Amino acid sequence: MSRLLLTLSESSADAALSDGAFDEVFLWTKGGRTTFTGSTGPFLSELGAVNPINVDLVRIALAVLASDRSILRERGGSTWNARDFDITVEVASPEVWAARTDELSALVGFLTGDRWAFSFAQAPGMAFPPLPIAGQRHGRTVLLSGGADSAVGALMSALDLGAGSSQALVSHFSFTAISPVQRDLVSAIEGFVPDQPQIHHQFHLSRGATRLDGTTFRNESSTRSRSFLFLALGLAVAERAQSTLWIPENGFASLNPPLGPDRRGSLSTHTTHPRFLRNLSAIVTSAGGHGSLENPFEAITKGEMFRRLAAAIGVDNASAYLSATNSCSHTDGRYSGAPAGSSCGVCFGCLVRRAAFGASGVPDTTTYLVDDTTGRFDEFVRGKTIVEPMRDFVYRGVRPRDIMVMSLPEDYAAQGALALCTLGVDELRGLVG
C-alpha cells in the first residue's frame, strides 16, 4: 500500500515530510513552492468562481495522476497492473466526497486497473474571492486534445452551433510539442466558422520532476489516469460556460477492445469508456457539481467521423485539417533526432488513424516516422510498433465473449457494441490486412 498526500499548504506538506507518514507528498500552490508545473492554481481562479465541487474534482484528478506517475508498476507476472493506493486529498467539501469514496474508488480503479482508497481533509480557503468574469456562457464546451477525434468534434460542434453562438475549447498538455498543434486547430476552426468566437482554454498542469526535498520522483510510464485530469478541467470550464462538455472520441476506441488475451485493452485506458463517463457524470452531479458530459461519437468509428467531416467541409479541406492533428502515443520528441510532435505511424493511435483515413477516402498527408527512408528512426519504430499484435487482433476479430467482459453500462446494448467493434476491425483490416 502506497500512502500519498495532495495538500495546498506548505506547512502541511512540511509536517507530512517530517513525520514520514506518506510515501509521497504533493504540494499544489500557485507562484510558490510546488511539485507541479504550469500556471494553473489550486482554486482555478483564472476561470472565475468555479463551483467548489468541480474545483475539488480537479484536485482529486491531479492527485490521482501524480500518484499514478510516481508509483512504479511491477513488470511481468500477473500482478504487473495492480497497485494499492491510499490517497489523502485536501478539498473544499471533505464530507461530500467522504460519502462517495466507494464510488470514486471504483471509478478510478476501473480506469487504471489498480486498487484505490481515498481520504479527504479540509483545504484552506482562498485569501480573496475570484474576480467575476463576464461573457463565460457558451453554447457548448469541447475537449480539444490535438488529436483527430477531438478536432472533428470541435469543428463539427462549431458548424452545428453556427454563427452568432460561441463555444469553449479546452486543451491540456504535458509535453510542449502538442501545444502549437492545439492552437493551430483553433485557428483553423475560426477560419471555417468566422462569425463564431472560439474561447480557448489551454492548461499546462503536470507533476514536476523534483520532490519538495530536492530528490527526483520516480516515473511510471503507463499513466492510465492521464485523461481524468483533462475531463475534470473540461467540466470546470463547462460549469462556468453553463454548457454540456463534449468528449469527442470514436466509439471503437472508447470501448477499448483488448488486442490479445494478455492485454487489458488496446489503449490501456478507459477514460472515454461509456461506463466511465456515465459513472463520472453521476458522481459529480450527485455531489452538487457540474457533471453534464457526453461523447457524441460513441456509436461510430473513426472512419465514419472522418467521412462526416469530409461531407461537411469537403474532402480536400478535411484532408488538410485532419492531417494537421496528432494521434500518436509518442509525441514528446525525446527520442534521438525526431522533431517534437512527430507521429510514429505504428502505435495503436497512429494505426487506427491511418485506417480511418483509408476507410473514409480522405487523403492522409501526415508525415510518419515509419515511412522515413533514411533509417534514422528504425530502432525507435521497431521498439514502438504493434503492427503484428494488431494484425493478429484483426485476424481473430472481436467475439461476443469479448463484448461480455467490456463492463458496458445498462443503456449500451451488447449487440451495438459488437457491431461497432466489427466495423472498427474492418477499418483496421484495410490497413494491416
Protein backbone atom coordinates (compact mmCIF):
# COMPACT_ATOMS: atom_id res chain seq x y z
CA MET A 1 0.00 0.00 0.00
CA SER A 2 1.38 3.39 -1.06
CA ARG A 3 0.23 6.37 1.01
CA LEU A 4 0.17 9.73 -0.75
CA LEU A 5 -0.95 13.27 0.10
CA LEU A 6 -2.05 16.22 -2.03
CA THR A 7 -2.03 19.40 0.04
CA LEU A 8 -2.39 23.10 -0.71
CA SER A 9 -0.49 24.14 2.42
CA GLU A 10 3.29 24.41 2.71
CA SER A 11 3.10 23.85 6.46
CA SER A 12 1.04 20.69 5.99
CA ALA A 13 3.48 19.46 3.36
CA ASP A 14 6.47 20.11 5.61
CA ALA A 15 4.78 18.37 8.53
CA ALA A 16 3.97 15.35 6.37
CA LEU A 17 7.56 15.18 5.15
CA SER A 18 8.83 15.46 8.71
CA ASP A 19 6.71 12.70 10.24
CA GLY A 20 7.19 10.33 7.30
CA ALA A 21 3.57 9.19 7.27
CA PHE A 22 3.33 9.38 3.48
CA ASP A 23 5.35 7.75 0.72
CA GLU A 24 4.90 10.81 -1.49
CA VAL A 25 3.79 14.36 -0.70
CA PHE A 26 2.45 16.61 -3.46
CA LEU A 27 2.12 20.35 -2.82
CA TRP A 28 -0.03 22.42 -5.17
CA THR A 29 0.37 26.17 -4.95
CA LYS A 30 0.44 28.98 -7.47
CA GLY A 31 3.61 31.02 -7.51
CA GLY A 32 5.31 29.37 -4.54
CA ARG A 33 6.87 26.03 -3.66
CA THR A 34 5.05 23.36 -5.61
CA THR A 35 5.51 19.91 -7.04
CA PHE A 36 3.55 20.79 -10.18
CA THR A 37 4.42 22.58 -13.41
CA GLY A 38 2.25 25.14 -15.15
CA SER A 39 0.44 28.31 -14.19
CA THR A 40 -2.89 26.82 -13.08
CA GLY A 41 -3.54 27.30 -9.37
CA PRO A 42 -5.49 25.04 -6.98
CA PHE A 43 -8.55 27.31 -6.94
CA LEU A 44 -8.84 27.66 -10.76
CA SER A 45 -9.26 31.37 -10.14
CA GLU A 46 -8.37 32.20 -13.75
CA LEU A 47 -11.79 30.75 -14.64
CA GLY A 48 -13.65 32.87 -12.10
CA ALA A 49 -15.87 31.49 -9.33
CA VAL A 50 -15.97 27.80 -10.31
CA ASN A 51 -18.34 25.51 -8.40
CA PRO A 52 -16.22 24.22 -5.47
CA ILE A 53 -17.18 20.61 -6.25
CA ASN A 54 -15.68 20.97 -9.71
CA VAL A 55 -12.56 22.53 -8.21
CA ASP A 56 -12.37 19.56 -5.84
CA LEU A 57 -12.68 17.18 -8.79
CA VAL A 58 -9.65 18.76 -10.44
CA ARG A 59 -7.66 18.35 -7.20
CA ILE A 60 -8.70 14.70 -6.94
CA ALA A 61 -7.82 14.03 -10.57
CA LEU A 62 -4.45 15.74 -10.19
CA ALA A 63 -3.72 13.69 -7.07
CA VAL A 64 -4.61 10.51 -8.95
CA LEU A 65 -2.38 11.39 -11.90
CA ALA A 66 0.55 12.40 -9.69
CA SER A 67 0.20 9.17 -7.72
CA ASP A 68 -0.17 7.08 -10.87
CA ARG A 69 3.06 8.58 -12.24
CA SER A 70 5.02 8.22 -9.00
CA ILE A 71 4.45 4.58 -8.02
CA LEU A 72 6.09 2.09 -10.36
CA ARG A 73 4.27 -0.97 -11.60
CA GLU A 74 5.73 -4.43 -11.28
CA ARG A 75 6.84 -5.60 -14.70
CA GLY A 76 5.91 -9.13 -15.65
CA GLY A 77 3.78 -11.67 -13.89
CA SER A 78 0.10 -11.50 -13.12
CA THR A 79 0.26 -8.50 -10.77
CA TRP A 80 2.02 -6.02 -13.05
CA ASN A 81 -1.02 -3.76 -13.28
CA ALA A 82 -2.30 -4.00 -9.71
CA ARG A 83 -1.04 -1.40 -7.23
CA ASP A 84 -2.58 -0.28 -3.94
CA PHE A 85 -3.04 3.45 -3.30
CA ASP A 86 -4.21 5.25 -0.17
CA ILE A 87 -4.59 8.91 -1.11
CA THR A 88 -5.45 11.89 1.06
CA VAL A 89 -6.65 14.96 -0.84
CA GLU A 90 -7.42 18.40 0.56
CA VAL A 91 -10.79 19.57 -0.78
CA ALA A 92 -13.35 22.27 -0.04
CA SER A 93 -16.07 19.77 0.89
CA PRO A 94 -14.49 16.72 2.55
CA GLU A 95 -17.80 15.44 3.94
CA VAL A 96 -19.36 15.43 0.46
CA TRP A 97 -16.54 13.38 -1.01
CA ALA A 98 -16.23 11.11 2.04
CA ALA A 99 -19.79 9.98 1.34
CA ARG A 100 -18.72 8.93 -2.16
CA THR A 101 -15.41 7.19 -1.53
CA ASP A 102 -16.69 3.78 -2.64
CA GLU A 103 -17.98 5.12 -5.95
CA LEU A 104 -14.82 7.16 -6.51
CA SER A 105 -12.56 4.21 -5.71
CA ALA A 106 -14.46 2.02 -8.17
CA LEU A 107 -14.37 4.74 -10.83
CA VAL A 108 -10.61 5.27 -10.66
CA GLY A 109 -9.96 1.55 -10.26
CA PHE A 110 -11.88 0.89 -13.47
CA LEU A 111 -9.72 3.50 -15.16
CA THR A 112 -6.30 2.27 -14.06
CA GLY A 113 -6.71 -1.36 -13.01
CA ASP A 114 -5.41 -0.59 -9.51
CA ARG A 115 -6.94 -0.52 -6.02
CA TRP A 116 -7.63 2.97 -4.66
CA ALA A 117 -8.66 4.22 -1.22
CA PHE A 118 -9.46 7.90 -0.69
CA SER A 119 -9.47 10.12 2.38
CA PHE A 120 -10.32 13.80 2.38
CA ALA A 121 -9.13 16.71 4.51
CA GLN A 122 -10.27 20.31 4.71
CA ALA A 123 -8.42 22.53 2.25
CA PRO A 124 -7.52 26.11 3.15
CA GLY A 125 -9.77 28.71 1.59
CA MET A 126 -8.84 31.41 -0.89
CA ALA A 127 -7.33 34.56 0.55
CA PHE A 128 -9.56 36.65 -1.74
CA PRO A 129 -12.60 35.64 -3.78
CA PRO A 130 -12.01 35.40 -7.55
CA LEU A 131 -12.99 38.32 -9.71
CA PRO A 132 -16.18 37.90 -11.74
CA ILE A 133 -15.54 37.21 -15.42
CA ALA A 134 -18.10 38.35 -17.98
CA GLY A 135 -19.07 36.50 -21.15
CA GLN A 136 -18.41 32.95 -19.95
CA ARG A 137 -21.65 31.39 -21.17
CA HIS A 138 -21.20 29.40 -24.38
CA GLY A 139 -23.33 27.08 -26.46
CA ARG A 140 -21.03 24.15 -25.86
CA THR A 141 -17.70 23.18 -24.29
CA VAL A 142 -15.48 20.75 -26.22
CA LEU A 143 -12.26 18.97 -25.29
CA LEU A 144 -9.56 19.67 -27.88
CA SER A 145 -6.52 17.48 -27.27
CA GLY A 146 -4.86 17.97 -30.63
CA GLY A 147 -5.85 14.50 -31.81
CA ALA A 148 -8.03 13.80 -34.82
CA ASP A 149 -11.18 12.82 -32.92
CA SER A 150 -11.23 15.93 -30.76
CA ALA A 151 -10.51 18.06 -33.84
CA VAL A 152 -13.50 16.54 -35.63
CA GLY A 153 -15.67 17.11 -32.57
CA ALA A 154 -14.63 20.73 -32.13
CA LEU A 155 -15.24 21.63 -35.76
CA MET A 156 -18.49 19.68 -36.10
CA SER A 157 -19.71 21.34 -32.90
CA ALA A 158 -18.87 24.78 -34.27
CA LEU A 159 -20.65 24.03 -37.54
CA ASP A 160 -23.67 22.73 -35.63
CA LEU A 161 -23.88 25.81 -33.39
CA GLY A 162 -23.47 28.20 -36.30
CA ALA A 163 -22.88 31.93 -36.48
CA GLY A 164 -23.94 34.04 -33.53
CA SER A 165 -23.14 31.36 -31.00
CA SER A 166 -19.83 30.61 -29.27
CA GLN A 167 -18.05 27.62 -27.81
CA ALA A 168 -15.32 26.99 -25.27
CA LEU A 169 -12.46 24.73 -26.30
CA VAL A 170 -10.43 23.05 -23.55
CA SER A 171 -6.90 21.78 -24.10
CA HIS A 172 -4.40 20.21 -21.74
CA PHE A 173 -0.81 19.29 -22.45
CA SER A 174 2.09 17.81 -20.53
CA PHE A 175 4.59 17.98 -23.41
CA THR A 176 5.04 21.35 -25.09
CA ALA A 177 5.19 19.74 -28.55
CA ILE A 178 1.41 19.36 -28.67
CA SER A 179 0.60 22.94 -27.62
CA PRO A 180 1.09 24.55 -31.07
CA VAL A 181 -0.98 21.77 -32.66
CA GLN A 182 -3.88 22.69 -30.38
CA ARG A 183 -3.54 26.41 -31.12
CA ASP A 184 -3.35 25.82 -34.88
CA LEU A 185 -6.55 23.78 -34.77
CA VAL A 186 -8.36 26.62 -33.02
CA SER A 187 -7.20 28.99 -35.77
CA ALA A 188 -8.43 26.55 -38.41
CA ILE A 189 -11.85 26.29 -36.75
CA GLU A 190 -12.07 30.08 -36.67
CA GLY A 191 -11.40 30.05 -40.41
CA PHE A 192 -14.25 27.63 -41.08
CA VAL A 193 -16.72 29.44 -38.78
CA PRO A 194 -15.53 33.08 -38.78
CA ASP A 195 -18.64 34.52 -37.12
CA GLN A 196 -18.41 32.32 -34.04
CA PRO A 197 -16.00 33.10 -31.18
CA GLN A 198 -13.78 30.17 -30.11
CA ILE A 199 -12.74 30.65 -26.48
CA HIS A 200 -9.63 28.53 -26.00
CA HIS A 201 -8.60 27.44 -22.51
CA GLN A 202 -5.17 25.81 -22.71
CA PHE A 203 -3.94 24.21 -19.49
CA HIS A 204 -0.41 23.07 -18.75
CA LEU A 205 -0.59 21.17 -15.48
CA SER A 206 1.56 18.19 -14.59
CA ARG A 207 3.62 16.75 -11.78
CA GLY A 208 7.17 18.07 -11.92
CA ALA A 209 10.35 16.01 -11.83
CA THR A 210 11.53 17.04 -8.35
CA ARG A 211 10.15 16.41 -4.88
CA LEU A 212 9.97 19.15 -2.27
CA ASP A 213 13.17 17.81 -0.68
CA GLY A 214 15.05 18.10 -3.98
CA THR A 215 15.16 14.40 -4.81
CA THR A 216 13.79 13.08 -8.09
CA PHE A 217 10.38 11.48 -8.42
CA ARG A 218 10.11 8.01 -9.88
CA ASN A 219 8.37 7.92 -13.26
CA GLU A 220 5.79 5.31 -14.18
CA SER A 221 5.21 5.49 -17.93
CA SER A 222 1.79 3.84 -18.24
CA THR A 223 -0.27 6.64 -16.57
CA ARG A 224 -3.68 5.25 -17.46
CA SER A 225 -5.26 8.10 -15.48
CA ARG A 226 -3.80 10.89 -17.59
CA SER A 227 -7.08 11.97 -19.21
CA PHE A 228 -9.05 12.04 -15.93
CA LEU A 229 -7.47 15.43 -15.21
CA PHE A 230 -8.37 16.59 -18.73
CA LEU A 231 -12.02 15.69 -18.14
CA ALA A 232 -12.06 17.41 -14.75
CA LEU A 233 -10.64 20.61 -16.23
CA GLY A 234 -13.17 20.39 -19.05
CA LEU A 235 -16.05 20.10 -16.59
CA ALA A 236 -14.74 23.12 -14.66
CA VAL A 237 -14.79 25.21 -17.85
CA ALA A 238 -18.20 23.79 -18.80
CA GLU A 239 -19.53 24.74 -15.37
CA ARG A 240 -18.62 28.37 -15.97
CA ALA A 241 -19.98 28.15 -19.54
CA GLN A 242 -23.19 26.51 -18.25
CA SER A 243 -22.99 24.04 -21.11
CA THR A 244 -22.54 20.34 -21.74
CA LEU A 245 -18.99 19.07 -22.13
CA TRP A 246 -18.37 17.22 -25.38
CA ILE A 247 -15.72 14.49 -25.18
CA PRO A 248 -15.21 13.55 -28.84
CA GLU A 249 -13.85 10.01 -29.24
CA ASN A 250 -14.71 7.33 -31.76
CA GLY A 251 -16.76 4.59 -30.17
CA PHE A 252 -14.42 1.77 -31.18
CA ALA A 253 -11.50 3.28 -29.26
CA SER A 254 -13.79 4.16 -26.35
CA LEU A 255 -14.79 0.52 -25.93
CA ASN A 256 -11.07 -0.33 -25.98
CA PRO A 257 -11.17 -3.99 -27.04
CA PRO A 258 -8.01 -5.84 -25.97
CA LEU A 259 -5.55 -6.76 -28.72
CA GLY A 260 -4.90 -10.12 -27.10
CA PRO A 261 -5.61 -12.23 -24.01
CA ASP A 262 -2.59 -10.76 -22.20
CA ARG A 263 -3.60 -7.17 -22.86
CA ARG A 264 -6.10 -5.28 -20.73
CA GLY A 265 -7.08 -3.05 -23.64
CA SER A 266 -5.62 -1.68 -26.82
CA LEU A 267 -5.19 1.77 -25.32
CA SER A 268 -4.63 0.61 -21.73
CA THR A 269 -7.09 3.28 -20.64
CA HIS A 270 -10.84 3.53 -20.10
CA THR A 271 -11.09 7.32 -19.93
CA THR A 272 -13.79 7.61 -22.61
CA HIS A 273 -15.38 4.22 -21.97
CA PRO A 274 -19.18 4.64 -21.79
CA ARG A 275 -19.31 3.23 -18.25
CA PHE A 276 -16.57 5.53 -17.00
CA LEU A 277 -18.18 8.65 -18.48
CA ARG A 278 -21.63 7.81 -17.14
CA ASN A 279 -20.32 7.00 -13.67
CA LEU A 280 -18.16 10.13 -13.55
CA SER A 281 -21.15 12.27 -14.51
CA ALA A 282 -23.32 10.61 -11.86
CA ILE A 283 -20.76 11.07 -9.07
CA VAL A 284 -20.10 14.74 -9.84
CA THR A 285 -23.78 15.56 -10.28
CA SER A 286 -24.80 13.82 -7.06
CA ALA A 287 -22.08 15.73 -5.20
CA GLY A 288 -23.59 19.02 -6.39
CA GLY A 289 -21.13 19.77 -9.17
CA HIS A 290 -21.49 20.27 -12.90
CA GLY A 291 -21.38 16.81 -14.44
CA SER A 292 -23.12 17.26 -17.78
CA LEU A 293 -20.99 15.48 -20.39
CA GLU A 294 -21.39 13.31 -23.47
CA ASN A 295 -19.44 11.62 -26.23
CA PRO A 296 -21.47 12.38 -29.37
CA PHE A 297 -19.48 9.83 -31.39
CA GLU A 298 -19.68 6.83 -29.07
CA ALA A 299 -21.68 4.80 -31.60
CA ILE A 300 -19.46 5.28 -34.69
CA THR A 301 -15.93 4.50 -35.87
CA LYS A 302 -13.11 6.92 -36.55
CA GLY A 303 -13.51 6.37 -40.29
CA GLU A 304 -17.16 7.40 -40.06
CA MET A 305 -16.13 10.52 -38.14
CA PHE A 306 -13.74 11.39 -40.97
CA ARG A 307 -16.46 10.77 -43.58
CA ARG A 308 -18.90 13.06 -41.79
CA LEU A 309 -16.34 15.83 -41.58
CA ALA A 310 -15.49 15.47 -45.28
CA ALA A 311 -19.19 15.71 -46.12
CA ALA A 312 -19.42 18.91 -44.09
CA ILE A 313 -16.32 20.80 -45.32
CA GLY A 314 -15.15 18.92 -48.42
CA VAL A 315 -12.57 16.18 -48.88
CA ASP A 316 -9.61 18.49 -49.55
CA ASN A 317 -10.35 20.67 -46.53
CA ALA A 318 -10.85 17.59 -44.36
CA SER A 319 -7.53 16.17 -45.55
CA ALA A 320 -5.60 19.31 -44.66
CA TYR A 321 -7.39 19.77 -41.32
CA LEU A 322 -7.11 16.16 -40.15
CA SER A 323 -3.52 15.71 -41.34
CA ALA A 324 -2.51 18.61 -39.10
CA THR A 325 -3.66 16.73 -35.98
CA ASN A 326 -1.56 14.36 -33.88
CA SER A 327 -2.89 10.98 -32.75
CA CYS A 328 0.46 9.45 -31.75
CA SER A 329 1.15 7.99 -28.32
CA HIS A 330 4.78 9.19 -28.53
CA THR A 331 4.61 12.93 -29.17
CA ASP A 332 7.22 14.25 -26.75
CA GLY A 333 10.04 14.07 -29.28
CA ARG A 334 12.57 12.93 -26.72
CA TYR A 335 13.83 10.12 -28.89
CA SER A 336 17.02 10.85 -30.79
CA GLY A 337 16.77 13.12 -33.78
CA ALA A 338 12.98 13.15 -34.09
CA PRO A 339 11.32 16.55 -34.14
CA ALA A 340 8.92 17.22 -31.30
CA GLY A 341 5.38 16.27 -32.17
CA SER A 342 6.33 13.56 -34.67
CA SER A 343 3.96 10.68 -35.41
CA CYS A 344 5.45 7.19 -35.32
CA GLY A 345 2.82 5.55 -37.53
CA VAL A 346 2.94 2.20 -35.71
CA CYS A 347 1.30 2.72 -32.28
CA PHE A 348 -2.39 1.99 -31.67
CA GLY A 349 -3.40 5.64 -32.11
CA CYS A 350 -1.48 6.01 -35.37
CA LEU A 351 -2.74 2.71 -36.82
CA VAL A 352 -6.40 3.48 -36.09
CA ARG A 353 -5.85 6.96 -37.56
CA ARG A 354 -4.24 5.63 -40.74
CA ALA A 355 -7.00 3.04 -41.09
CA ALA A 356 -9.65 5.77 -40.73
CA PHE A 357 -8.09 7.83 -43.49
CA GLY A 358 -8.12 4.77 -45.75
CA ALA A 359 -11.69 3.78 -44.89
CA SER A 360 -13.05 7.30 -45.34
CA GLY A 361 -11.32 8.08 -48.62
CA VAL A 362 -9.82 11.25 -47.13
CA PRO A 363 -6.17 11.60 -48.25
CA ASP A 364 -3.63 11.40 -45.41
CA THR A 365 -0.71 13.81 -45.80
CA THR A 366 0.70 13.17 -42.31
CA THR A 367 4.43 12.51 -42.07
CA TYR A 368 5.06 9.25 -40.19
CA LEU A 369 8.44 8.14 -38.88
CA VAL A 370 7.82 4.62 -40.16
CA ASP A 371 7.89 5.99 -43.72
CA ASP A 372 11.25 7.75 -43.29
CA THR A 373 13.74 6.26 -45.77
CA THR A 374 16.94 7.46 -44.09
CA GLY A 375 16.85 4.78 -41.42
CA ARG A 376 17.32 7.33 -38.62
CA PHE A 377 14.22 6.19 -36.76
CA ASP A 378 14.26 2.46 -37.48
CA GLU A 379 15.27 1.46 -33.96
CA PHE A 380 12.66 3.67 -32.38
CA VAL A 381 9.92 2.40 -34.70
CA ARG A 382 10.86 -1.23 -34.03
CA GLY A 383 10.59 -0.58 -30.31
CA LYS A 384 7.13 1.01 -30.56
CA THR A 385 5.37 -0.98 -33.27
CA ILE A 386 2.26 -3.01 -32.50
CA VAL A 387 1.61 -3.90 -36.16
CA GLU A 388 1.93 -7.65 -35.58
CA PRO A 389 -0.34 -7.73 -32.48
CA MET A 390 -2.78 -5.56 -34.45
CA ARG A 391 -2.66 -7.99 -37.38
CA ASP A 392 -3.37 -10.89 -35.01
CA PHE A 393 -6.23 -8.91 -33.47
CA VAL A 394 -7.77 -8.24 -36.89
CA TYR A 395 -7.43 -11.90 -37.87
CA ARG A 396 -9.17 -13.02 -34.66
CA GLY A 397 -11.77 -10.25 -34.63
CA VAL A 398 -13.92 -9.17 -31.70
CA ARG A 399 -16.08 -12.01 -30.44
CA PRO A 400 -19.28 -11.96 -28.37
CA ARG A 401 -17.34 -13.13 -25.31
CA ASP A 402 -15.03 -10.12 -25.71
CA ILE A 403 -18.06 -7.85 -25.56
CA MET A 404 -19.40 -9.54 -22.44
CA VAL A 405 -16.32 -8.56 -20.41
CA MET A 406 -16.36 -4.90 -21.51
CA SER A 407 -18.37 -3.71 -18.47
CA LEU A 408 -20.91 -1.95 -20.66
CA PRO A 409 -23.40 0.35 -18.91
CA GLU A 410 -27.01 -0.81 -18.78
CA ASP A 411 -28.10 1.58 -21.53
CA TYR A 412 -25.47 0.34 -24.02
CA ALA A 413 -26.64 -2.72 -25.97
CA ALA A 414 -24.13 -5.54 -26.35
CA GLN A 415 -25.31 -6.09 -29.93
CA GLY A 416 -24.49 -2.48 -30.74
CA ALA A 417 -21.03 -2.79 -29.21
CA LEU A 418 -20.32 -5.94 -31.23
CA ALA A 419 -21.47 -4.31 -34.47
CA LEU A 420 -19.36 -1.23 -33.77
CA CYS A 421 -16.25 -3.28 -32.98
CA THR A 422 -16.77 -5.31 -36.15
CA LEU A 423 -16.78 -2.10 -38.18
CA GLY A 424 -13.66 -0.89 -36.37
CA VAL A 425 -11.86 -4.15 -37.11
CA ASP A 426 -12.91 -3.89 -40.77
CA GLU A 427 -11.29 -0.46 -40.98
CA LEU A 428 -8.08 -1.82 -39.48
CA ARG A 429 -8.15 -4.78 -41.86
CA GLY A 430 -7.87 -2.35 -44.74
CA LEU A 431 -4.55 -1.15 -43.31
CA VAL A 432 -2.83 -4.18 -41.80
CA GLY A 433 -4.53 -7.00 -43.71
